[in-house]
Protein backbone atom coordinates (compact mmCIF):
# COMPACT_ATOMS: atom_id res chain seq x y z
CA MET A 1 42.61 115.45 122.61
CA LEU A 2 44.30 118.04 120.68
CA ARG A 3 47.07 118.08 123.46
CA GLN A 4 47.59 114.06 123.15
CA PHE A 5 47.45 114.55 119.29
CA LYS A 6 50.28 117.04 119.94
CA ASN A 7 52.25 114.73 122.29
CA LEU A 8 52.51 111.75 118.96
CA SER A 9 55.59 111.13 117.64
CA PHE A 10 55.64 112.61 114.12
CA ARG A 11 55.13 109.17 112.61
CA LYS A 12 52.12 108.72 114.07
CA LYS A 13 50.54 111.97 112.95
CA ILE A 14 51.47 111.42 109.69
CA PHE A 15 49.65 108.21 109.79
CA VAL A 16 46.40 110.05 111.52
CA ILE A 17 46.37 112.64 109.04
CA CYS A 18 46.80 110.65 106.08
CA THR A 19 44.30 108.47 107.27
CA MET A 20 41.57 111.07 107.95
CA VAL A 21 42.42 113.18 105.05
CA SER A 22 42.24 110.04 102.65
CA LEU A 23 39.03 108.71 104.16
CA ILE A 24 36.78 111.81 104.43
CA PRO A 25 36.90 112.68 100.94
CA VAL A 26 36.51 109.46 99.49
CA ILE A 27 33.41 108.97 101.57
CA VAL A 28 32.11 112.50 100.66
CA LEU A 29 32.85 111.91 97.28
CA GLY A 30 31.36 108.86 96.94
CA THR A 31 27.76 109.80 98.23
CA TYR A 32 28.17 112.97 96.05
CA CYS A 33 29.05 112.20 92.90
CA TYR A 34 26.61 109.77 92.02
CA ARG A 35 23.75 112.51 92.04
CA GLN A 36 26.24 115.22 90.77
CA ILE A 37 28.15 113.71 87.43
CA GLU A 38 25.69 113.72 84.89
CA ASN A 39 25.12 117.55 85.51
CA LEU A 40 28.85 118.18 85.78
CA LEU A 41 29.12 116.49 82.77
CA ILE A 42 26.40 118.62 81.14
CA THR A 43 27.65 121.73 82.47
CA ARG A 44 31.02 120.86 81.32
CA GLU A 45 29.59 120.42 77.66
CA GLU A 46 28.01 123.58 77.43
CA THR A 47 31.15 125.16 78.90
CA ALA A 48 33.10 123.48 76.11
CA VAL A 49 30.36 124.13 73.07
CA HIS A 50 30.53 127.66 74.12
CA GLU A 51 34.10 127.93 73.98
CA SER A 52 34.10 126.18 71.07
CA LEU A 53 31.91 128.72 69.32
CA ILE A 54 33.28 131.54 70.27
CA GLN A 55 36.76 130.36 69.28
CA GLU A 56 35.62 129.03 66.23
CA SER A 57 33.74 132.56 65.52
CA ASN A 58 36.81 134.62 66.29
CA ALA A 59 38.81 132.36 63.77
CA LEU A 60 36.41 132.89 60.97
CA ASN A 61 36.06 136.52 61.72
CA THR A 62 39.62 137.11 61.60
CA ARG A 63 40.00 135.23 58.50
CA LEU A 64 37.17 137.32 57.03
CA ASN A 65 38.64 140.50 58.18
CA THR A 66 41.54 139.67 56.48
CA TYR A 67 39.41 139.61 52.77
CA LEU A 68 38.00 143.01 54.06
CA ASP A 69 41.37 144.81 54.74
CA THR A 70 42.73 143.22 51.29
CA MET A 71 39.50 144.46 49.74
CA ASN A 72 39.81 148.14 51.57
CA TYR A 73 43.54 148.15 50.37
CA ILE A 74 42.44 148.02 46.82
CA LEU A 75 39.78 150.61 47.29
CA TRP A 76 41.90 153.07 48.81
CA ASP A 77 44.88 152.63 46.13
CA ASN A 78 45.11 156.27 44.69
CA SER A 79 47.05 154.42 41.81
CA LEU A 80 44.15 151.99 40.74
CA ASN A 81 41.26 155.04 41.04
CA LEU A 82 43.41 157.10 38.50
CA ALA A 83 43.82 154.01 36.31
CA LEU A 84 39.94 153.57 36.67
CA SER A 85 38.68 157.09 36.27
CA THR A 86 40.81 157.57 32.95
CA THR A 87 39.57 157.72 29.35
CA TYR A 88 42.33 155.79 27.38
CA GLU A 89 42.80 157.07 24.12
CA LYS A 90 45.76 154.71 22.89
CA THR A 91 46.15 151.06 23.26
CA SER A 92 49.31 151.88 24.63
CA ASP A 93 48.29 153.18 27.77
CA MET A 94 45.82 151.01 28.45
CA TYR A 95 48.69 147.97 28.10
CA LEU A 96 51.01 150.62 30.60
CA ALA A 97 47.58 150.57 33.54
CA TYR A 98 47.51 146.57 33.07
CA ARG A 99 51.11 146.04 33.32
CA ASP A 100 52.09 148.62 36.26
CA ILE A 101 49.13 148.93 38.14
CA ILE A 102 46.36 146.88 38.00
CA ASP A 103 48.19 143.54 37.32
CA PRO A 104 51.00 143.95 40.03
CA MET A 105 48.40 144.87 42.97
CA PHE A 106 45.77 141.70 42.25
CA THR A 107 48.91 139.20 41.78
CA THR A 108 50.71 140.68 45.11
CA LEU A 109 47.43 140.38 47.04
CA ARG A 110 46.82 136.56 45.95
CA ALA A 111 50.47 135.73 46.50
CA LEU A 112 49.99 137.56 50.00
CA ASN A 113 46.99 135.30 50.87
CA SER A 114 46.34 131.85 49.16
CA ASN A 115 42.86 131.76 49.90
CA ILE A 116 41.92 134.49 47.37
CA LYS A 117 41.59 132.87 44.01
CA LYS A 118 41.01 135.14 41.77
CA ILE A 119 39.99 138.73 41.91
CA THR A 120 37.89 141.06 38.87
CA LEU A 121 37.50 144.25 38.88
CA TYR A 122 34.62 144.81 36.47
CA THR A 123 33.74 148.33 34.98
CA ASP A 124 31.96 150.57 32.11
CA ASN A 125 35.04 152.30 31.35
CA PRO A 126 35.48 151.52 27.96
CA ILE A 127 39.31 149.44 28.35
CA ASN A 128 39.70 146.68 26.66
CA PRO A 129 38.96 143.42 28.55
CA HIS A 130 42.08 141.86 30.10
CA GLY A 131 41.69 138.01 31.28
CA THR A 132 40.26 137.47 34.34
CA VAL A 133 41.39 140.79 35.94
CA LEU A 134 39.65 143.14 34.16
CA ARG A 135 36.05 142.78 32.85
CA PRO A 136 33.32 144.92 31.22
CA LEU A 137 30.45 145.62 33.92
CA THR A 138 28.23 143.77 31.30
CA ASP A 139 29.42 140.25 32.66
CA ILE A 140 27.98 140.22 35.68
CA GLU A 141 24.44 142.49 35.26
CA GLU A 142 22.72 138.66 35.52
CA GLN A 143 24.10 137.35 38.44
CA GLY A 144 21.80 137.41 41.65
CA TRP A 145 24.61 139.59 44.04
CA TYR A 146 24.32 142.77 41.01
CA ASP A 147 21.72 144.92 42.33
CA ASP A 148 23.11 144.84 45.49
CA ALA A 149 26.46 145.77 44.56
CA ARG A 150 25.39 148.88 42.80
CA GLU A 151 23.14 149.84 45.94
CA ARG A 152 25.66 149.48 48.88
CA SER A 153 28.53 151.15 49.62
CA ARG A 154 30.45 149.03 51.59
CA PRO A 155 31.98 145.47 51.20
CA PHE A 156 29.82 142.43 51.73
CA PHE A 157 29.81 138.62 51.31
CA SER A 158 28.17 136.21 49.34
CA ALA A 159 28.33 132.63 49.48
CA SER A 160 26.49 129.77 48.32
CA ARG A 161 26.37 126.32 49.82
CA GLU A 162 24.89 124.84 46.70
CA TYR A 163 28.12 125.99 44.62
CA ASN A 164 30.61 126.19 47.34
CA SER A 165 30.85 129.72 46.54
CA LEU A 166 32.35 132.48 48.53
CA LYS A 167 32.85 135.91 47.20
CA LEU A 168 33.33 139.29 48.68
CA ILE A 169 32.14 142.54 46.52
CA CYS A 170 32.59 145.93 46.42
CA ARG A 171 31.07 148.90 44.39
CA TYR A 172 34.28 150.69 43.31
CA SER A 173 33.63 154.76 41.94
CA GLY A 174 36.55 155.80 40.07
CA GLY A 175 35.42 159.67 38.50
CA LYS A 176 32.88 159.32 35.71
CA HIS A 177 32.86 155.58 35.86
CA GLN A 178 31.34 152.91 37.81
CA SER A 179 33.28 149.71 38.66
CA ILE A 180 32.49 146.61 40.57
CA ILE A 181 35.44 144.52 42.70
CA VAL A 182 34.56 140.69 43.06
CA MET A 183 37.39 139.00 45.02
CA GLU A 184 36.44 134.68 44.68
CA ILE A 185 37.21 133.24 47.75
CA ASP A 186 38.49 129.37 48.70
CA TYR A 187 34.98 128.02 50.13
CA GLU A 188 36.30 125.30 51.56
CA ASP A 189 39.73 126.40 53.26
CA THR A 190 37.85 129.44 54.77
CA LEU A 191 34.96 127.04 56.54
CA SER A 192 36.80 123.81 56.25
CA SER A 193 38.02 124.09 60.44
CA MET A 194 34.34 124.04 61.41
CA ALA A 195 34.56 120.38 60.49
CA SER A 196 37.09 119.65 62.80
CA LEU A 197 35.76 120.91 66.27
CA TYR A 198 34.85 117.57 67.64
CA GLU A 199 35.26 113.98 66.41
CA GLN A 200 31.90 112.91 66.93
CA SER A 201 28.32 113.81 67.63
CA TYR A 202 28.02 117.44 67.05
CA GLY A 203 26.33 119.82 64.47
CA ILE A 204 27.06 123.25 62.92
CA VAL A 205 25.36 125.77 60.77
CA LEU A 206 26.60 129.17 59.36
CA THR A 207 23.78 131.24 58.17
CA ASP A 208 24.40 135.09 56.37
CA ALA A 209 22.27 138.19 57.30
CA SER A 210 19.09 136.77 55.74
CA HIS A 211 19.31 133.80 57.57
CA THR A 212 19.85 131.82 54.76
CA PRO A 213 22.50 128.50 55.44
CA VAL A 214 25.81 129.52 54.03
CA TYR A 215 27.31 126.36 55.95
CA ILE A 216 26.31 122.91 57.01
CA TYR A 217 28.03 120.09 58.84
CA ASP A 218 27.43 116.98 61.56
CA THR A 219 28.27 113.97 62.47
CA PHE A 220 25.36 112.13 62.66
CA GLU A 221 25.55 109.98 59.51
CA ASP A 222 25.83 106.36 61.70
CA THR A 223 22.87 107.48 63.31
CA GLY A 224 20.54 107.71 60.00
CA GLY A 225 20.19 111.08 60.72
CA ASP A 226 18.02 110.86 63.68
CA LEU A 227 19.94 113.26 65.85
CA ARG A 228 20.35 116.03 63.17
CA LEU A 229 18.72 119.59 63.54
CA THR A 230 17.74 121.46 60.45
CA PRO A 231 18.56 125.39 60.32
CA GLU A 232 14.94 126.01 60.59
CA GLN A 233 15.04 124.30 63.81
CA LEU A 234 18.09 125.97 65.20
CA ILE A 235 17.36 129.32 64.22
CA ASN A 236 13.93 128.87 66.29
CA ASN A 237 15.33 127.25 69.22
CA LEU A 238 14.85 130.08 71.26
CA GLU A 239 10.99 129.43 71.17
CA ASN A 240 11.16 125.65 70.92
CA ASP A 241 11.97 125.00 74.32
CA GLY A 242 11.77 121.12 73.90
CA LEU A 243 15.20 121.09 71.99
CA ARG A 244 16.75 122.95 75.17
CA ASP A 245 15.96 119.37 77.05
CA LYS A 246 17.89 117.06 74.07
CA TYR A 247 20.59 119.47 72.82
CA VAL A 248 23.21 121.65 74.21
CA ILE A 249 23.23 124.63 71.56
CA GLU A 250 25.01 127.98 71.53
CA THR A 251 24.75 130.65 69.04
CA GLY A 252 27.36 133.38 67.94
CA THR A 253 26.24 136.71 66.48
CA ASP A 254 29.38 138.73 66.56
CA ILE A 255 30.28 137.75 63.33
CA THR A 256 31.42 140.26 60.33
CA GLY A 257 28.83 140.64 57.78
CA GLY A 258 25.74 140.03 60.24
CA TRP A 259 26.39 136.17 59.98
CA LYS A 260 25.59 133.46 62.60
CA LEU A 261 26.81 130.66 63.83
CA TYR A 262 25.13 127.49 65.69
CA LEU A 263 26.49 124.56 67.34
CA TYR A 264 24.91 121.84 69.11
CA ARG A 265 25.28 117.95 70.60
CA PRO A 266 22.67 116.24 72.01
CA ILE A 267 22.67 115.85 75.47
CA SER A 268 22.32 112.01 75.22
CA THR A 269 25.87 111.53 73.67
CA VAL A 270 27.70 113.97 76.46
CA SER A 271 25.58 112.04 79.22
CA ALA A 272 25.87 108.54 77.99
CA PRO A 273 29.32 108.54 79.72
CA ALA A 274 27.71 109.27 83.17
CA ARG A 275 26.52 106.07 84.43
CA GLU A 276 29.76 103.94 83.30
CA ILE A 277 31.72 106.25 85.19
CA THR A 278 29.71 106.09 88.18
CA THR A 279 30.10 102.64 88.24
CA ILE A 280 33.96 102.78 88.12
CA VAL A 281 33.76 105.74 90.80
CA LEU A 282 32.25 103.08 93.00
CA ILE A 283 35.04 100.16 92.47
CA ILE A 284 37.46 102.95 93.13
CA ILE A 285 36.02 104.17 96.25
CA PHE A 286 35.78 100.61 97.49
CA PHE A 287 39.42 100.21 96.74
CA CYS A 288 40.42 102.99 97.99
CA LEU A 289 38.87 102.39 101.43
CA ILE A 290 40.83 99.09 101.90
CA SER A 291 44.17 100.83 100.39
CA VAL A 292 44.12 104.19 102.37
CA ILE A 293 44.98 102.38 105.72
CA VAL A 294 48.07 100.20 104.45
CA LEU A 295 49.56 103.38 102.07
CA SER A 296 48.91 105.55 105.04
CA SER A 297 51.37 103.15 107.61
CA PHE A 298 53.70 102.91 104.63
CA LEU A 299 54.17 106.48 103.48
CA SER A 300 54.29 107.38 107.07
CA GLY A 301 57.60 105.51 107.45
CA ILE A 302 58.58 106.78 104.15
CA ILE A 303 58.60 110.50 105.18
CA VAL A 304 59.51 110.29 108.69
CA ARG A 305 62.81 108.03 108.22
CA PRO A 306 64.84 110.48 106.09
CA LEU A 307 63.82 113.37 108.73
CA GLU A 308 65.05 111.53 111.54
CA HIS A 309 67.98 110.94 109.97
CA LEU A 310 68.41 114.78 108.86
CA THR A 311 67.46 115.77 112.52
CA LYS A 312 70.59 113.68 113.69
CA ASN A 313 73.10 115.39 111.78
CA MET A 314 71.39 118.37 112.72
CA SER A 315 71.99 118.21 116.04
CA ARG A 316 75.91 116.73 114.93
CA VAL A 317 76.25 120.60 113.55
CA GLU A 318 74.69 122.11 116.49
CA GLN A 319 77.87 120.86 118.56
CA GLY A 320 80.48 122.14 115.92
CA ASP A 321 80.74 118.57 114.00
CA PHE A 322 80.81 119.92 110.31
CA ALA A 323 82.76 116.67 108.97
CA ILE A 324 79.43 115.18 107.98
CA THR A 325 77.72 113.98 105.03
CA VAL A 326 73.84 113.19 104.20
CA SER A 327 72.82 111.56 101.11
CA TYR A 328 69.49 111.00 99.69
CA ASP A 329 68.69 109.71 96.17
CA SER A 330 64.93 110.84 96.15
CA GLY A 331 64.35 114.05 94.10
CA ASP A 332 61.15 114.96 96.20
CA GLU A 333 60.81 118.10 98.75
CA ILE A 334 62.70 116.03 101.47
CA GLY A 335 65.35 115.22 98.94
CA ARG A 336 65.92 118.77 98.04
CA VAL A 337 65.81 119.67 102.02
CA VAL A 338 68.64 117.29 102.55
CA GLN A 339 70.51 118.03 99.89
CA SER A 340 70.29 121.82 100.75
CA PHE A 341 71.45 121.00 104.08
CA GLN A 342 74.46 119.29 103.06
CA HIS A 343 75.05 122.09 100.63
CA MET A 344 74.81 124.20 103.20
CA VAL A 345 76.93 122.37 105.74
CA GLU A 346 79.78 122.59 102.59
CA GLN A 347 79.35 126.08 102.69
CA LEU A 348 79.65 127.07 106.29
CA ARG A 349 82.71 124.71 106.14
CA HIS A 350 83.95 126.67 102.96
CA LEU A 351 83.15 129.99 104.99
CA ILE A 352 84.93 129.19 107.66
CA ASP A 353 87.76 128.23 105.90
CA GLU A 354 87.48 131.70 103.86
CA VAL A 355 87.52 133.74 107.22
CA LEU A 356 90.17 132.22 108.36
CA LYS A 357 92.01 132.86 105.22
CA SER A 358 90.95 136.51 104.89
CA LYS A 359 92.15 137.17 108.43
CA ILE A 360 95.19 136.33 107.75
CA LYS A 361 95.47 138.12 104.72
CA GLN A 362 94.40 140.85 106.55
CA GLN A 363 97.07 141.14 109.23
CA GLU A 364 99.09 140.67 106.50
CA TYR A 365 98.17 143.84 105.02
CA GLU A 366 97.97 145.64 108.08
CA MET A 367 101.70 144.99 108.10
CA ARG A 368 102.66 146.44 104.84
CA ALA A 369 100.37 149.04 105.82
CA LEU A 370 102.29 149.99 108.60
CA GLN A 371 105.35 149.54 107.01
CA ALA A 372 104.21 151.65 104.28
CA GLN A 373 103.74 154.55 106.72
CA ILE A 374 106.58 154.11 108.57
CA ASN A 375 109.27 153.75 105.52
CA PRO A 376 108.24 157.01 103.62
CA HIS A 377 109.49 159.47 106.16
CA PHE A 378 112.63 157.46 106.39
CA LEU A 379 112.93 157.89 102.60
CA TYR A 380 111.83 161.63 102.00
CA ASN A 381 114.15 162.48 104.91
CA SER A 382 116.95 161.12 103.16
CA LEU A 383 116.23 162.29 99.74
CA SER A 384 115.92 165.65 101.21
CA LEU A 385 119.44 165.10 103.02
CA ILE A 386 120.74 164.08 99.54
CA ASN A 387 119.25 167.21 97.76
CA GLY A 388 120.85 169.82 100.33
CA ARG A 389 124.16 168.05 100.14
CA ALA A 390 124.31 168.03 96.70
CA LEU A 391 123.15 171.66 96.08
CA MET A 392 126.10 172.43 98.31
CA ALA A 393 128.17 170.81 96.41
CA GLY A 394 127.16 172.24 93.46
CA GLN A 395 126.33 169.10 91.84
CA ASP A 396 122.39 169.83 90.49
CA ASP A 397 122.25 166.83 88.81
CA ILE A 398 122.34 164.48 91.95
CA GLY A 399 120.20 167.08 93.51
CA GLN A 400 117.34 167.10 90.78
CA MET A 401 117.28 163.33 90.82
CA ALA A 402 116.87 163.39 94.96
CA ARG A 403 114.25 165.89 94.26
CA LEU A 404 112.39 163.78 91.29
CA LEU A 405 112.79 160.52 93.33
CA SER A 406 111.36 162.19 96.34
CA THR A 407 108.41 163.40 94.12
CA PHE A 408 107.82 159.89 92.70
CA TYR A 409 107.95 158.14 96.20
CA ARG A 410 105.68 160.56 97.39
CA THR A 411 102.81 160.39 94.82
CA THR A 412 103.61 156.48 94.48
CA LEU A 413 102.86 155.78 98.09
CA ASN A 414 100.02 158.51 98.45
CA LYS A 415 99.93 157.76 102.47
CA GLY A 416 98.62 154.65 101.97
CA ARG A 417 95.31 155.63 99.72
CA ASN A 418 94.43 153.26 97.11
CA THR A 419 92.82 156.05 94.88
CA ILE A 420 94.31 159.29 93.17
CA PHE A 421 93.73 162.34 91.47
CA VAL A 422 94.86 162.01 87.92
CA LYS A 423 96.90 164.99 87.73
CA ASP A 424 98.63 163.56 90.94
CA GLU A 425 99.36 160.26 89.17
CA LEU A 426 100.56 162.24 86.18
CA GLU A 427 102.83 164.35 88.17
CA ASN A 428 104.24 160.67 89.64
CA VAL A 429 104.71 159.55 85.58
CA ARG A 430 106.35 162.76 84.93
CA SER A 431 108.90 162.26 87.71
CA TYR A 432 109.59 158.85 86.77
CA ILE A 433 110.20 159.67 83.19
CA SER A 434 112.54 162.94 84.17
CA ILE A 435 114.59 160.15 86.48
CA GLN A 436 114.67 158.01 83.08
CA PHE A 437 116.03 161.60 81.38
CA ILE A 438 118.61 161.11 83.70
CA MET A 439 119.67 157.69 83.33
CA HIS A 440 119.58 157.57 79.62
CA SER A 441 120.99 160.75 78.92
CA ASP A 442 118.15 162.59 77.38
CA SER A 443 118.32 159.95 74.65
CA PHE A 444 114.49 159.87 73.80
CA ASP A 445 111.49 162.38 73.63
CA VAL A 446 108.36 162.66 75.35
CA THR A 447 105.47 164.29 73.71
CA TYR A 448 102.10 164.70 76.82
CA ASP A 449 98.67 165.47 75.26
CA ILE A 450 96.41 165.98 78.47
CA ASP A 451 92.63 167.13 78.49
CA ALA A 452 92.62 169.43 81.10
CA ASP A 453 88.81 168.35 82.17
CA ALA A 454 90.59 164.81 83.26
CA LEU A 455 93.03 166.57 86.04
CA PRO A 456 90.28 166.34 88.76
CA LEU A 457 89.17 163.04 88.22
CA THR A 458 90.42 160.29 90.75
CA MET A 459 91.44 156.75 89.70
CA ILE A 460 93.06 154.05 91.52
CA ASN A 461 96.92 154.87 91.54
CA LEU A 462 100.20 153.10 90.52
CA LEU A 463 98.45 152.05 86.89
CA LEU A 464 100.40 154.14 84.42
CA GLN A 465 103.94 154.17 85.65
CA PRO A 466 104.11 150.69 84.75
CA LEU A 467 102.98 151.28 81.21
CA VAL A 468 105.71 154.06 80.99
CA GLU A 469 108.30 151.37 82.20
CA ASN A 470 107.29 148.55 79.86
CA ALA A 471 107.61 151.35 76.68
CA ILE A 472 110.82 152.51 77.65
CA MET A 473 112.30 149.27 78.76
CA HIS A 474 110.76 146.83 76.42
CA GLY A 475 110.24 149.54 73.52
CA ILE A 476 112.53 152.30 73.20
CA ASP A 477 115.92 150.68 74.89
CA HIS A 478 115.27 148.13 72.15
CA ARG A 479 115.02 150.43 69.04
CA GLU A 480 117.36 149.12 66.30
CA ALA A 481 116.18 151.87 63.95
CA PRO A 482 117.95 155.07 63.41
CA GLY A 483 117.02 158.20 65.03
CA ARG A 484 115.82 158.89 68.53
CA GLY A 485 113.35 157.58 70.92
CA SER A 486 109.98 158.46 71.23
CA LEU A 487 107.36 158.16 73.98
CA ALA A 488 103.81 160.14 73.51
CA ILE A 489 101.68 160.01 76.81
CA SER A 490 97.81 160.95 76.31
CA CYS A 491 94.88 161.69 78.67
CA HIS A 492 91.11 162.72 77.29
CA CYS A 493 87.54 162.27 78.63
CA SER A 494 85.27 160.52 75.62
CA ASN A 495 81.69 158.86 76.40
CA GLY A 496 81.80 158.96 80.09
CA ASN A 497 85.05 157.21 80.21
CA LEU A 498 88.72 158.28 81.02
CA ILE A 499 91.51 157.31 78.78
CA PHE A 500 95.06 156.92 78.87
CA THR A 501 97.27 156.11 75.71
CA VAL A 502 101.17 155.37 76.15
CA SER A 503 103.03 154.81 72.72
CA ASP A 504 106.28 154.12 72.06
CA ASN A 505 108.42 153.98 68.53
CA GLY A 506 109.99 150.63 69.43
CA PRO A 507 110.63 147.34 67.87
CA GLY A 508 106.88 146.51 68.69
CA ILE A 509 105.42 143.41 70.15
CA PRO A 510 105.43 139.96 67.95
CA ALA A 511 101.95 138.82 66.63
CA GLU A 512 102.28 135.63 68.63
CA LYS A 513 103.50 137.25 72.09
CA LEU A 514 100.72 140.22 71.71
CA GLY A 515 97.60 137.88 72.44
CA SER A 516 98.80 136.45 75.68
CA ILE A 517 100.15 139.97 77.32
CA LEU A 518 97.45 140.58 79.25
CA THR A 519 96.51 136.60 80.37
CA SER A 520 98.56 134.06 82.74
CA ASP A 521 100.51 133.02 79.91
CA SER A 522 102.62 136.65 79.71
CA SER A 523 105.36 136.96 81.55
CA GLY A 524 105.33 140.82 82.18
CA TYR A 525 103.29 140.26 85.83
CA GLY A 526 103.28 144.35 86.04
CA ILE A 527 101.13 144.80 83.00
CA GLN A 528 98.88 141.82 84.14
CA ASN A 529 98.90 143.51 88.03
CA VAL A 530 97.89 146.54 86.21
CA HIS A 531 94.86 145.02 84.32
CA HIS A 532 93.66 142.76 86.87
CA ARG A 533 93.62 145.59 89.30
CA ILE A 534 91.42 147.39 86.68
CA GLN A 535 88.67 144.94 86.36
CA LEU A 536 88.73 144.03 89.66
CA PHE A 537 88.07 147.72 91.02
CA TYR A 538 85.62 148.77 88.23
CA GLY A 539 84.62 145.81 86.37
CA PRO A 540 85.62 143.61 83.35
CA GLU A 541 84.30 146.12 80.76
CA TYR A 542 87.43 148.39 81.69
CA GLY A 543 90.96 147.37 81.66
CA LEU A 544 94.51 147.74 79.34
CA HIS A 545 93.81 146.96 75.64
CA TYR A 546 97.17 146.49 73.48
CA GLU A 547 98.07 147.44 69.27
CA SER A 548 101.53 147.05 67.88
CA ARG A 549 103.14 146.61 64.65
CA PRO A 550 106.51 145.09 64.40
CA GLY A 551 109.25 147.70 63.48
CA GLU A 552 107.02 150.61 64.06
CA GLY A 553 106.00 150.23 68.10
CA THR A 554 103.55 149.85 70.37
CA MET A 555 100.51 151.41 71.97
CA ALA A 556 98.75 150.34 75.31
CA SER A 557 95.16 151.82 75.77
CA LEU A 558 94.13 152.24 79.30
CA THR A 559 90.40 152.61 79.75
CA LEU A 560 88.33 153.89 83.19
CA PRO A 561 85.13 155.45 83.98
CA GLN A 562 85.17 159.08 84.77
CA SER A 563 85.12 159.59 88.43
CA ILE A 564 85.12 162.56 90.90
CA THR A 565 85.32 162.51 94.67
CA PRO A 566 86.36 165.46 96.97
CA SER A 567 89.31 163.35 97.91
CA PRO A 568 90.73 160.06 96.83
CA SER A 569 89.86 157.71 99.42
CA PRO A 570 92.28 155.55 101.49
């Protein structure tokens, strides 16, 4: 049976698999859902109620802890403690305490938390009352929470559902005087989120540490209150098992101040959709049984057709035909496979072209390298011969020119290597400048500022000579101001970088040309080539930078990473 299935065409396999995969779950679902759907709904509701209760408990804890943090900030403030423990002999001193300590603190705390309606400090210190901020302790002696405030050492909440009141109270000890801080909090804003947990059919009760209801809300007005539970029923629901059969009840106890939160929903409202859903499911199952066969046949054709077309094109690629175009206008996985295949073919075609071009360029480079290895020997021998003949004839200047040219081209060619020591690069520049001295009849001055630590470092060759040549040809040679030309070359290490500067006192570069000197708009190909070589070899963060002032001169800065190798690599 399995062997016969393997030998079927892919189209038939898709049809068989789709039919079986669709029919079996539908049949099992139809048999199982009627018995389980009500239990699933109830279980889901219990989980939802539990999660809603945890979420609301955490939110309430966050709000209450925010008020506690505010109260603790007041209690630990040394300036307020000093103000309350001081016995004032002058009214002006009291005014300064109001203005500089008490008022700014309470105003700031209320501004930071808009739910804090008022903060009042009641004290037995004989200080003049100050609005609602500072009052005598006798004003609250008749309050029901007054005795608790005098006995407790920690802040506690006092809430009244009847008066929509919520207060945070704490005794404050300041020296020989006793004080009580009362923070009045917006009752509705603090607890209003509990009135939006569900759209309908739920009730919620919040009690304090003494089991007194602090907040009660439900949505059972349309039912005449028949589904409403009293706080006493909720508090004793663990002993009354009958409620568990009629309601989903969850209790949250981890609330600041020992408060408890009760959330309940009637099971009748939760399971009401069960019968309707069951009927809908049975109807859906019936139509699914009819539709599965038709859809399986249609689906197999949709899936297999592009795959068959893709298979034919892959065979053509295997035979070496890359001039194909595959298109599929769908954005599904098969479409992405077809697009990836087309992209792969284009990449292969592009890579083949690039490989051929690279081979041609490589052959050109090898030919140039071979010429670079042959020509220097002839050049060095010729220059040595010129030097010897010049010395024999007493022509020292010609001999010096020959030696300088020999040194210059020896370091320039660098035996075909790409990198060079900094000291050899500087030697190349010195030889070039000496040649320019002779050609210019010593008409300009040169200064060197070389960091000895940079000499053993390595760099790619032929970077400085184009900069020096540019400074002489376009700078010193075009100088119109009186006096001798000046060329300055520096090299130093800084923050892991190797920095060269080449400065001249020539006419400078106009601002409109300075911005394009390193771009494709520049006519100075040598400078542009140096900049591009550096960025290709070291990265885009390195390269050349030009600064110039017309009439004063130009400075070229060359930045490379510090690099030390045993010997420059070819």
